[in-house]
Amino acid sequence: MQFIRDEDIKTAFVTMINKLIFGRKLILQPLLDALRGMSNSDNLSRIQELEKQIEKNAEQRELLVKLMAKGYLEPALFNRENNELKMEADNYMGQKEALIHALNGELSKVQEVSNLIKFTNKAEMINTFNEQIFNDHIEKIIVYSRVEIGFVLKCGITLRERM
């Protein structure tokens, strides 16, 4: 394992911020428009659809239990069908939770992109590392190699920068 100097990361950050300031109209404004244009109604209708499927799945499982109780099904067949219905229900619940999380996440991402646009509109090119700017806009750093890192911004995009 080899190390990466802190100064190299800071220099890459300054370069990335300067590129954002210079290209804000080409990068950030279209991103904000895209996030605002995403149809929340599509996600809401998909959530309602998933709720109907979850309800239908529960009814099928209930029917399966009734058939088993009356002795119309063999235990092996009941277990197999019941397990399939449980897996299907878990899948639907996962999809529903992911959509709900995406709806909530879109709102925070729009706010973060707006904050970044406000900063880049007021800011001039920077020459030195500023920890406040870094903390305000960067969520984490991903190291791809010794010569390339990625800055994951709080607005959800990852920008790669060569060192």
N, C-alpha and C. Protein backbone atom coordinates (compact mmCIF):
# COMPACT_ATOMS: atom_id res chain seq x y z
N MET A 1 0.85 -1.16 0.00
CA MET A 1 0.00 0.00 0.00
C MET A 1 0.90 1.24 0.00
N GLN A 2 0.59 2.19 -0.86
CA GLN A 2 1.39 3.40 -0.95
C GLN A 2 0.57 4.59 -0.50
N PHE A 3 1.22 5.62 -0.07
CA PHE A 3 0.51 6.77 0.47
C PHE A 3 0.33 7.83 -0.62
N ILE A 4 -0.60 8.72 -0.35
CA ILE A 4 -0.84 9.88 -1.20
C ILE A 4 -0.66 11.10 -0.31
N ARG A 5 0.13 12.03 -0.77
CA ARG A 5 0.40 13.21 0.04
C ARG A 5 -0.85 14.07 0.16
N ASP A 6 -1.00 14.65 1.33
CA ASP A 6 -2.13 15.52 1.62
C ASP A 6 -2.13 16.74 0.69
N GLU A 7 -0.96 17.24 0.39
CA GLU A 7 -0.85 18.42 -0.50
C GLU A 7 -1.37 18.11 -1.90
N ASP A 8 -1.15 16.88 -2.37
CA ASP A 8 -1.65 16.49 -3.69
C ASP A 8 -3.17 16.48 -3.71
N ILE A 9 -3.78 16.00 -2.65
CA ILE A 9 -5.24 15.98 -2.56
C ILE A 9 -5.78 17.41 -2.52
N LYS A 10 -5.14 18.26 -1.74
CA LYS A 10 -5.57 19.66 -1.65
C LYS A 10 -5.44 20.37 -2.99
N THR A 11 -4.37 20.11 -3.70
CA THR A 11 -4.18 20.72 -5.02
C THR A 11 -5.24 20.23 -6.00
N ALA A 12 -5.54 18.93 -5.95
CA ALA A 12 -6.58 18.38 -6.82
C ALA A 12 -7.94 18.99 -6.49
N PHE A 13 -8.20 19.22 -5.20
CA PHE A 13 -9.46 19.85 -4.80
C PHE A 13 -9.55 21.27 -5.34
N VAL A 14 -8.48 22.05 -5.21
CA VAL A 14 -8.47 23.43 -5.72
C VAL A 14 -8.72 23.42 -7.23
N THR A 15 -8.10 22.51 -7.94
CA THR A 15 -8.29 22.40 -9.39
C THR A 15 -9.74 22.06 -9.72
N MET A 16 -10.30 21.11 -8.98
CA MET A 16 -11.69 20.71 -9.22
C MET A 16 -12.65 21.85 -8.96
N ILE A 17 -12.47 22.58 -7.86
CA ILE A 17 -13.35 23.72 -7.55
C ILE A 17 -13.23 24.80 -8.61
N ASN A 18 -12.02 25.07 -9.07
CA ASN A 18 -11.84 26.07 -10.12
C ASN A 18 -12.52 25.65 -11.42
N LYS A 19 -12.48 24.36 -11.73
CA LYS A 19 -13.19 23.86 -12.92
C LYS A 19 -14.70 24.03 -12.75
N LEU A 20 -15.20 23.78 -11.53
CA LEU A 20 -16.63 23.96 -11.28
C LEU A 20 -17.02 25.42 -11.40
N ILE A 21 -16.19 26.31 -10.86
CA ILE A 21 -16.49 27.74 -10.95
C ILE A 21 -16.52 28.17 -12.41
N PHE A 22 -15.55 27.70 -13.19
CA PHE A 22 -15.47 28.07 -14.60
C PHE A 22 -16.62 27.46 -15.41
N GLY A 23 -16.96 26.19 -15.15
CA GLY A 23 -17.95 25.49 -15.96
C GLY A 23 -19.30 25.31 -15.30
N ARG A 24 -19.65 26.20 -14.38
CA ARG A 24 -20.90 26.02 -13.62
C ARG A 24 -22.12 26.00 -14.52
N LYS A 25 -22.11 26.77 -15.60
CA LYS A 25 -23.28 26.81 -16.48
C LYS A 25 -23.41 25.53 -17.30
N LEU A 26 -22.30 24.86 -17.52
CA LEU A 26 -22.31 23.63 -18.30
C LEU A 26 -22.53 22.38 -17.45
N ILE A 27 -22.20 22.48 -16.17
CA ILE A 27 -22.27 21.30 -15.31
C ILE A 27 -23.40 21.40 -14.29
N LEU A 28 -23.38 22.44 -13.50
CA LEU A 28 -24.29 22.52 -12.36
C LEU A 28 -25.72 22.91 -12.75
N GLN A 29 -25.86 23.86 -13.66
CA GLN A 29 -27.21 24.30 -14.02
C GLN A 29 -28.01 23.18 -14.70
N PRO A 30 -27.42 22.43 -15.66
CA PRO A 30 -28.17 21.29 -16.22
C PRO A 30 -28.49 20.22 -15.18
N LEU A 31 -27.57 20.01 -14.22
CA LEU A 31 -27.83 19.04 -13.15
C LEU A 31 -29.02 19.48 -12.31
N LEU A 32 -29.07 20.76 -11.96
CA LEU A 32 -30.19 21.28 -11.17
C LEU A 32 -31.50 21.16 -11.94
N ASP A 33 -31.47 21.50 -13.23
CA ASP A 33 -32.67 21.38 -14.06
C ASP A 33 -33.14 19.93 -14.14
N ALA A 34 -32.20 19.01 -14.27
CA ALA A 34 -32.55 17.58 -14.36
C ALA A 34 -33.16 17.09 -13.05
N LEU A 35 -32.58 17.50 -11.93
CA LEU A 35 -33.11 17.07 -10.63
C LEU A 35 -34.51 17.65 -10.39
N ARG A 36 -34.71 18.87 -10.78
CA ARG A 36 -36.03 19.49 -10.60
C ARG A 36 -37.04 18.89 -11.56
N GLY A 37 -36.58 18.47 -12.74
CA GLY A 37 -37.48 17.94 -13.76
C GLY A 37 -37.88 16.49 -13.55
N MET A 38 -37.18 15.81 -12.63
CA MET A 38 -37.53 14.41 -12.38
C MET A 38 -38.96 14.35 -11.89
N SER A 39 -39.66 13.43 -12.45
CA SER A 39 -41.09 13.34 -12.14
C SER A 39 -41.32 12.60 -10.84
N ASN A 40 -41.68 13.34 -9.82
CA ASN A 40 -42.01 12.70 -8.54
C ASN A 40 -43.33 11.94 -8.64
N SER A 41 -44.20 12.37 -9.56
CA SER A 41 -45.48 11.68 -9.71
C SER A 41 -45.27 10.26 -10.22
N ASP A 42 -44.25 10.05 -11.06
CA ASP A 42 -43.94 8.69 -11.52
C ASP A 42 -43.55 7.80 -10.34
N ASN A 43 -42.70 8.34 -9.47
CA ASN A 43 -42.28 7.58 -8.30
C ASN A 43 -43.47 7.31 -7.37
N LEU A 44 -44.33 8.30 -7.20
CA LEU A 44 -45.49 8.11 -6.33
C LEU A 44 -46.44 7.07 -6.89
N SER A 45 -46.66 7.10 -8.20
CA SER A 45 -47.55 6.09 -8.80
C SER A 45 -46.91 4.71 -8.72
N ARG A 46 -45.61 4.62 -8.84
CA ARG A 46 -44.91 3.33 -8.72
C ARG A 46 -45.03 2.80 -7.29
N ILE A 47 -44.95 3.71 -6.30
CA ILE A 47 -45.11 3.30 -4.90
C ILE A 47 -46.52 2.75 -4.68
N GLN A 48 -47.52 3.42 -5.23
CA GLN A 48 -48.90 2.93 -5.09
C GLN A 48 -49.07 1.57 -5.76
N GLU A 49 -48.44 1.40 -6.91
CA GLU A 49 -48.48 0.13 -7.62
C GLU A 49 -47.86 -0.98 -6.76
N LEU A 50 -46.72 -0.67 -6.15
CA LEU A 50 -46.05 -1.65 -5.29
C LEU A 50 -46.91 -1.99 -4.08
N GLU A 51 -47.60 -1.00 -3.51
CA GLU A 51 -48.48 -1.28 -2.37
C GLU A 51 -49.61 -2.23 -2.76
N LYS A 52 -50.15 -2.05 -3.97
CA LYS A 52 -51.19 -2.96 -4.45
C LYS A 52 -50.64 -4.37 -4.61
N GLN A 53 -49.41 -4.49 -5.14
CA GLN A 53 -48.80 -5.80 -5.32
C GLN A 53 -48.50 -6.45 -3.97
N ILE A 54 -48.11 -5.66 -2.99
CA ILE A 54 -47.86 -6.19 -1.65
C ILE A 54 -49.15 -6.71 -1.05
N GLU A 55 -50.23 -5.97 -1.24
CA GLU A 55 -51.54 -6.39 -0.73
C GLU A 55 -52.00 -7.67 -1.42
N LYS A 56 -51.81 -7.73 -2.74
CA LYS A 56 -52.20 -8.93 -3.50
C LYS A 56 -51.38 -10.14 -3.03
N ASN A 57 -50.11 -9.91 -2.78
CA ASN A 57 -49.23 -10.97 -2.30
C ASN A 57 -49.71 -11.49 -0.95
N ALA A 58 -50.11 -10.58 -0.06
CA ALA A 58 -50.61 -10.99 1.26
C ALA A 58 -51.88 -11.82 1.12
N GLU A 59 -52.75 -11.44 0.20
CA GLU A 59 -53.97 -12.21 -0.03
C GLU A 59 -53.65 -13.61 -0.54
N GLN A 60 -52.66 -13.71 -1.44
CA GLN A 60 -52.26 -15.02 -1.96
C GLN A 60 -51.70 -15.90 -0.84
N ARG A 61 -50.91 -15.32 0.04
CA ARG A 61 -50.36 -16.09 1.16
C ARG A 61 -51.47 -16.54 2.10
N GLU A 62 -52.45 -15.68 2.32
CA GLU A 62 -53.58 -16.03 3.17
C GLU A 62 -54.37 -17.19 2.56
N LEU A 63 -54.60 -17.14 1.25
CA LEU A 63 -55.30 -18.22 0.56
C LEU A 63 -54.50 -19.52 0.65
N LEU A 64 -53.20 -19.40 0.51
CA LEU A 64 -52.33 -20.57 0.61
C LEU A 64 -52.45 -21.22 1.99
N VAL A 65 -52.49 -20.42 3.03
CA VAL A 65 -52.62 -20.94 4.39
C VAL A 65 -53.97 -21.63 4.56
N LYS A 66 -55.02 -21.04 4.01
CA LYS A 66 -56.35 -21.66 4.11
C LYS A 66 -56.39 -23.00 3.40
N LEU A 67 -55.78 -23.07 2.21
CA LEU A 67 -55.75 -24.33 1.47
C LEU A 67 -54.96 -25.39 2.22
N MET A 68 -53.88 -24.99 2.86
CA MET A 68 -53.07 -25.92 3.64
C MET A 68 -53.86 -26.41 4.86
N ALA A 69 -54.57 -25.50 5.50
CA ALA A 69 -55.34 -25.86 6.69
C ALA A 69 -56.45 -26.86 6.36
N LYS A 70 -57.02 -26.74 5.16
CA LYS A 70 -58.10 -27.65 4.77
C LYS A 70 -57.56 -28.96 4.22
N GLY A 71 -56.23 -29.04 4.04
CA GLY A 71 -55.63 -30.29 3.60
C GLY A 71 -55.57 -30.45 2.09
N TYR A 72 -55.79 -29.39 1.33
CA TYR A 72 -55.74 -29.48 -0.13
C TYR A 72 -54.31 -29.45 -0.68
N LEU A 73 -53.35 -29.00 0.11
CA LEU A 73 -51.96 -28.89 -0.34
C LEU A 73 -51.05 -29.79 0.48
N GLU A 74 -50.02 -30.29 -0.17
CA GLU A 74 -49.00 -31.05 0.54
C GLU A 74 -48.07 -30.05 1.24
N PRO A 75 -47.49 -30.42 2.37
CA PRO A 75 -46.59 -29.51 3.10
C PRO A 75 -45.41 -29.02 2.26
N ALA A 76 -44.84 -29.89 1.45
CA ALA A 76 -43.68 -29.48 0.63
C ALA A 76 -44.08 -28.40 -0.37
N LEU A 77 -45.22 -28.59 -1.02
CA LEU A 77 -45.71 -27.59 -1.98
C LEU A 77 -46.06 -26.29 -1.27
N PHE A 78 -46.68 -26.39 -0.11
CA PHE A 78 -47.03 -25.20 0.66
C PHE A 78 -45.78 -24.41 1.03
N ASN A 79 -44.76 -25.12 1.54
CA ASN A 79 -43.52 -24.43 1.94
C ASN A 79 -42.86 -23.75 0.76
N ARG A 80 -42.81 -24.42 -0.38
CA ARG A 80 -42.17 -23.84 -1.55
C ARG A 80 -42.91 -22.59 -2.02
N GLU A 81 -44.22 -22.69 -2.14
CA GLU A 81 -45.03 -21.55 -2.60
C GLU A 81 -45.00 -20.40 -1.59
N ASN A 82 -45.07 -20.75 -0.31
CA ASN A 82 -45.03 -19.73 0.74
C ASN A 82 -43.70 -18.99 0.73
N ASN A 83 -42.60 -19.72 0.56
CA ASN A 83 -41.28 -19.09 0.50
C ASN A 83 -41.16 -18.17 -0.72
N GLU A 84 -41.69 -18.59 -1.85
CA GLU A 84 -41.66 -17.75 -3.04
C GLU A 84 -42.45 -16.46 -2.82
N LEU A 85 -43.61 -16.59 -2.20
CA LEU A 85 -44.42 -15.40 -1.93
C LEU A 85 -43.75 -14.47 -0.92
N LYS A 86 -43.06 -15.04 0.07
CA LYS A 86 -42.33 -14.21 1.03
C LYS A 86 -41.19 -13.46 0.35
N MET A 87 -40.46 -14.15 -0.53
CA MET A 87 -39.36 -13.49 -1.25
C MET A 87 -39.90 -12.37 -2.14
N GLU A 88 -41.01 -12.63 -2.79
CA GLU A 88 -41.64 -11.63 -3.64
C GLU A 88 -42.07 -10.42 -2.82
N ALA A 89 -42.65 -10.65 -1.65
CA ALA A 89 -43.08 -9.56 -0.78
C ALA A 89 -41.88 -8.75 -0.29
N ASP A 90 -40.79 -9.44 0.06
CA ASP A 90 -39.59 -8.73 0.48
C ASP A 90 -39.03 -7.87 -0.64
N ASN A 91 -39.08 -8.40 -1.86
CA ASN A 91 -38.61 -7.65 -3.02
C ASN A 91 -39.45 -6.38 -3.22
N TYR A 92 -40.76 -6.52 -3.13
CA TYR A 92 -41.65 -5.36 -3.28
C TYR A 92 -41.38 -4.32 -2.20
N MET A 93 -41.20 -4.78 -0.97
CA MET A 93 -40.93 -3.84 0.14
C MET A 93 -39.60 -3.12 -0.08
N GLY A 94 -38.60 -3.84 -0.56
CA GLY A 94 -37.31 -3.21 -0.84
C GLY A 94 -37.41 -2.15 -1.91
N GLN A 95 -38.15 -2.46 -2.98
CA GLN A 95 -38.34 -1.49 -4.05
C GLN A 95 -39.09 -0.26 -3.54
N LYS A 96 -40.09 -0.48 -2.72
CA LYS A 96 -40.88 0.63 -2.17
C LYS A 96 -40.01 1.53 -1.30
N GLU A 97 -39.22 0.91 -0.42
CA GLU A 97 -38.34 1.69 0.45
C GLU A 97 -37.29 2.45 -0.35
N ALA A 98 -36.77 1.85 -1.41
CA ALA A 98 -35.79 2.53 -2.26
C ALA A 98 -36.41 3.75 -2.94
N LEU A 99 -37.65 3.61 -3.40
CA LEU A 99 -38.33 4.75 -4.03
C LEU A 99 -38.59 5.87 -3.03
N ILE A 100 -39.00 5.50 -1.83
CA ILE A 100 -39.24 6.51 -0.80
C ILE A 100 -37.94 7.22 -0.46
N HIS A 101 -36.86 6.45 -0.34
CA HIS A 101 -35.54 7.04 -0.06
C HIS A 101 -35.11 7.96 -1.21
N ALA A 102 -35.38 7.55 -2.44
CA ALA A 102 -35.01 8.37 -3.60
C ALA A 102 -35.78 9.68 -3.61
N LEU A 103 -37.07 9.62 -3.27
CA LEU A 103 -37.87 10.85 -3.21
C LEU A 103 -37.31 11.81 -2.18
N ASN A 104 -36.97 11.31 -1.01
CA ASN A 104 -36.40 12.17 0.03
C ASN A 104 -35.01 12.66 -0.35
N GLY A 105 -34.23 11.81 -0.99
CA GLY A 105 -32.87 12.18 -1.39
C GLY A 105 -32.85 13.23 -2.48
N GLU A 106 -33.83 13.20 -3.39
CA GLU A 106 -33.87 14.18 -4.47
C GLU A 106 -34.02 15.59 -3.92
N LEU A 107 -34.82 15.74 -2.88
CA LEU A 107 -35.03 17.06 -2.30
C LEU A 107 -33.74 17.61 -1.71
N SER A 108 -32.99 16.78 -1.00
CA SER A 108 -31.74 17.24 -0.41
C SER A 108 -30.69 17.49 -1.48
N LYS A 109 -30.68 16.69 -2.55
CA LYS A 109 -29.72 16.91 -3.62
C LYS A 109 -29.99 18.22 -4.35
N VAL A 110 -31.25 18.55 -4.56
CA VAL A 110 -31.60 19.82 -5.19
C VAL A 110 -31.08 20.97 -4.34
N GLN A 111 -31.23 20.86 -3.02
CA GLN A 111 -30.76 21.91 -2.13
C GLN A 111 -29.24 22.03 -2.19
N GLU A 112 -28.53 20.90 -2.21
CA GLU A 112 -27.07 20.91 -2.26
C GLU A 112 -26.57 21.50 -3.58
N VAL A 113 -27.22 21.16 -4.69
CA VAL A 113 -26.82 21.73 -5.98
C VAL A 113 -27.07 23.23 -5.98
N SER A 114 -28.18 23.66 -5.41
CA SER A 114 -28.48 25.09 -5.31
C SER A 114 -27.41 25.81 -4.49
N ASN A 115 -27.00 25.21 -3.38
CA ASN A 115 -25.94 25.81 -2.56
C ASN A 115 -24.63 25.91 -3.33
N LEU A 116 -24.31 24.87 -4.08
CA LEU A 116 -23.07 24.87 -4.87
C LEU A 116 -23.12 25.92 -5.97
N ILE A 117 -24.28 26.08 -6.60
CA ILE A 117 -24.43 27.11 -7.64
C ILE A 117 -24.27 28.50 -7.03
N LYS A 118 -24.88 28.72 -5.86
CA LYS A 118 -24.74 30.02 -5.19
C LYS A 118 -23.27 30.31 -4.90
N PHE A 119 -22.55 29.29 -4.41
CA PHE A 119 -21.13 29.47 -4.12
C PHE A 119 -20.34 29.80 -5.39
N THR A 120 -20.56 29.02 -6.45
CA THR A 120 -19.77 29.22 -7.67
C THR A 120 -20.13 30.53 -8.38
N ASN A 121 -21.35 31.01 -8.22
CA ASN A 121 -21.71 32.29 -8.83
C ASN A 121 -21.00 33.45 -8.15
N LYS A 122 -20.80 33.36 -6.84
CA LYS A 122 -20.16 34.45 -6.10
C LYS A 122 -18.64 34.32 -6.08
N ALA A 123 -18.14 33.12 -6.19
CA ALA A 123 -16.71 32.87 -5.98
C ALA A 123 -15.89 33.21 -7.21
N GLU A 124 -14.66 33.60 -6.92
CA GLU A 124 -13.66 33.75 -7.97
C GLU A 124 -12.74 32.54 -7.87
N MET A 125 -11.90 32.36 -8.88
CA MET A 125 -10.97 31.24 -8.86
C MET A 125 -10.15 31.28 -7.57
N ILE A 126 -9.95 30.13 -6.96
CA ILE A 126 -9.19 30.08 -5.71
C ILE A 126 -7.78 29.58 -5.99
N ASN A 127 -6.84 30.03 -5.17
CA ASN A 127 -5.45 29.64 -5.35
C ASN A 127 -4.96 28.68 -4.29
N THR A 128 -5.62 28.70 -3.13
CA THR A 128 -5.18 27.85 -2.03
C THR A 128 -6.35 27.04 -1.50
N PHE A 129 -6.02 25.97 -0.81
CA PHE A 129 -7.03 25.10 -0.22
C PHE A 129 -7.77 25.83 0.88
N ASN A 130 -9.10 25.69 0.87
CA ASN A 130 -9.94 26.30 1.91
C ASN A 130 -10.75 25.17 2.55
N GLU A 131 -10.49 24.92 3.81
CA GLU A 131 -11.13 23.80 4.50
C GLU A 131 -12.64 24.00 4.63
N GLN A 132 -13.09 25.24 4.76
CA GLN A 132 -14.52 25.53 4.88
C GLN A 132 -15.26 25.15 3.59
N ILE A 133 -14.69 25.50 2.46
CA ILE A 133 -15.30 25.15 1.16
C ILE A 133 -15.34 23.63 1.02
N PHE A 134 -14.24 22.99 1.39
CA PHE A 134 -14.16 21.53 1.32
C PHE A 134 -15.26 20.89 2.16
N ASN A 135 -15.41 21.31 3.40
CA ASN A 135 -16.41 20.72 4.31
C ASN A 135 -17.83 21.03 3.86
N ASP A 136 -18.04 22.17 3.24
CA ASP A 136 -19.38 22.56 2.79
C ASP A 136 -19.88 21.73 1.62
N HIS A 137 -18.98 21.26 0.76
CA HIS A 137 -19.42 20.67 -0.50
C HIS A 137 -18.99 19.23 -0.75
N ILE A 138 -18.01 18.73 -0.01
CA ILE A 138 -17.49 17.37 -0.27
C ILE A 138 -18.00 16.40 0.80
N GLU A 139 -18.55 15.28 0.32
CA GLU A 139 -19.02 14.24 1.24
C GLU A 139 -17.88 13.28 1.58
N LYS A 140 -17.15 12.83 0.54
CA LYS A 140 -16.04 11.92 0.77
C LYS A 140 -15.11 11.94 -0.45
N ILE A 141 -13.96 11.30 -0.28
CA ILE A 141 -12.95 11.21 -1.34
C ILE A 141 -12.77 9.73 -1.67
N ILE A 142 -12.70 9.44 -2.96
CA ILE A 142 -12.44 8.07 -3.42
C ILE A 142 -11.08 8.09 -4.13
N VAL A 143 -10.19 7.21 -3.73
CA VAL A 143 -8.87 7.11 -4.35
C VAL A 143 -8.93 5.99 -5.38
N TYR A 144 -8.79 6.36 -6.66
CA TYR A 144 -8.80 5.37 -7.73
C TYR A 144 -7.40 4.81 -7.98
N SER A 145 -6.42 5.68 -7.91
CA SER A 145 -5.02 5.28 -8.07
C SER A 145 -4.15 6.36 -7.44
N ARG A 146 -2.86 6.20 -7.56
CA ARG A 146 -1.97 7.22 -6.99
C ARG A 146 -2.03 8.53 -7.76
N VAL A 147 -2.57 8.49 -8.96
CA VAL A 147 -2.61 9.71 -9.77
C VAL A 147 -4.02 10.20 -10.05
N GLU A 148 -5.03 9.51 -9.53
CA GLU A 148 -6.40 9.93 -9.78
C GLU A 148 -7.28 9.67 -8.55
N ILE A 149 -8.01 10.73 -8.18
CA ILE A 149 -8.96 10.61 -7.07
C ILE A 149 -10.30 11.16 -7.51
N GLY A 150 -11.32 10.83 -6.74
CA GLY A 150 -12.66 11.33 -7.02
C GLY A 150 -13.21 12.03 -5.80
N PHE A 151 -13.84 13.16 -6.03
CA PHE A 151 -14.49 13.89 -4.96
C PHE A 151 -16.00 13.64 -5.08
N VAL A 152 -16.58 13.04 -4.06
CA VAL A 152 -18.03 12.81 -4.04
C VAL A 152 -18.65 14.03 -3.39
N LEU A 153 -19.38 14.80 -4.18
CA LEU A 153 -20.00 16.01 -3.67
C LEU A 153 -21.29 15.66 -2.95
N LYS A 154 -21.72 16.52 -2.06
CA LYS A 154 -22.95 16.28 -1.30
C LYS A 154 -24.18 16.27 -2.19
N CYS A 155 -24.06 16.84 -3.38
CA CYS A 155 -25.20 16.86 -4.31
C CYS A 155 -25.33 15.55 -5.08
N GLY A 156 -24.41 14.61 -4.85
CA GLY A 156 -24.56 13.30 -5.43
C GLY A 156 -23.65 12.98 -6.60
N ILE A 157 -22.94 13.94 -7.14
CA ILE A 157 -22.07 13.64 -8.27
C ILE A 157 -20.65 13.38 -7.78
N THR A 158 -19.92 12.60 -8.55
CA THR A 158 -18.53 12.32 -8.26
C THR A 158 -17.69 12.90 -9.38
N LEU A 159 -16.75 13.74 -9.02
CA LEU A 159 -15.87 14.37 -10.01
C LEU A 159 -14.47 13.80 -9.83
N ARG A 160 -13.95 13.24 -10.92
CA ARG A 160 -12.59 12.69 -10.90
C ARG A 160 -11.60 13.80 -11.21
N GLU A 161 -10.46 13.70 -10.57
CA GLU A 161 -9.41 14.70 -10.79
C GLU A 161 -8.06 14.01 -10.78
N ARG A 162 -7.23 14.37 -11.75
CA ARG A 162 -5.88 13.84 -11.81
C ARG A 162 -5.00 14.68 -10.90
N MET A 163 -4.04 14.00 -10.26
CA MET A 163 -3.13 14.72 -9.35
C MET A 163 -1.80 14.93 -10.04
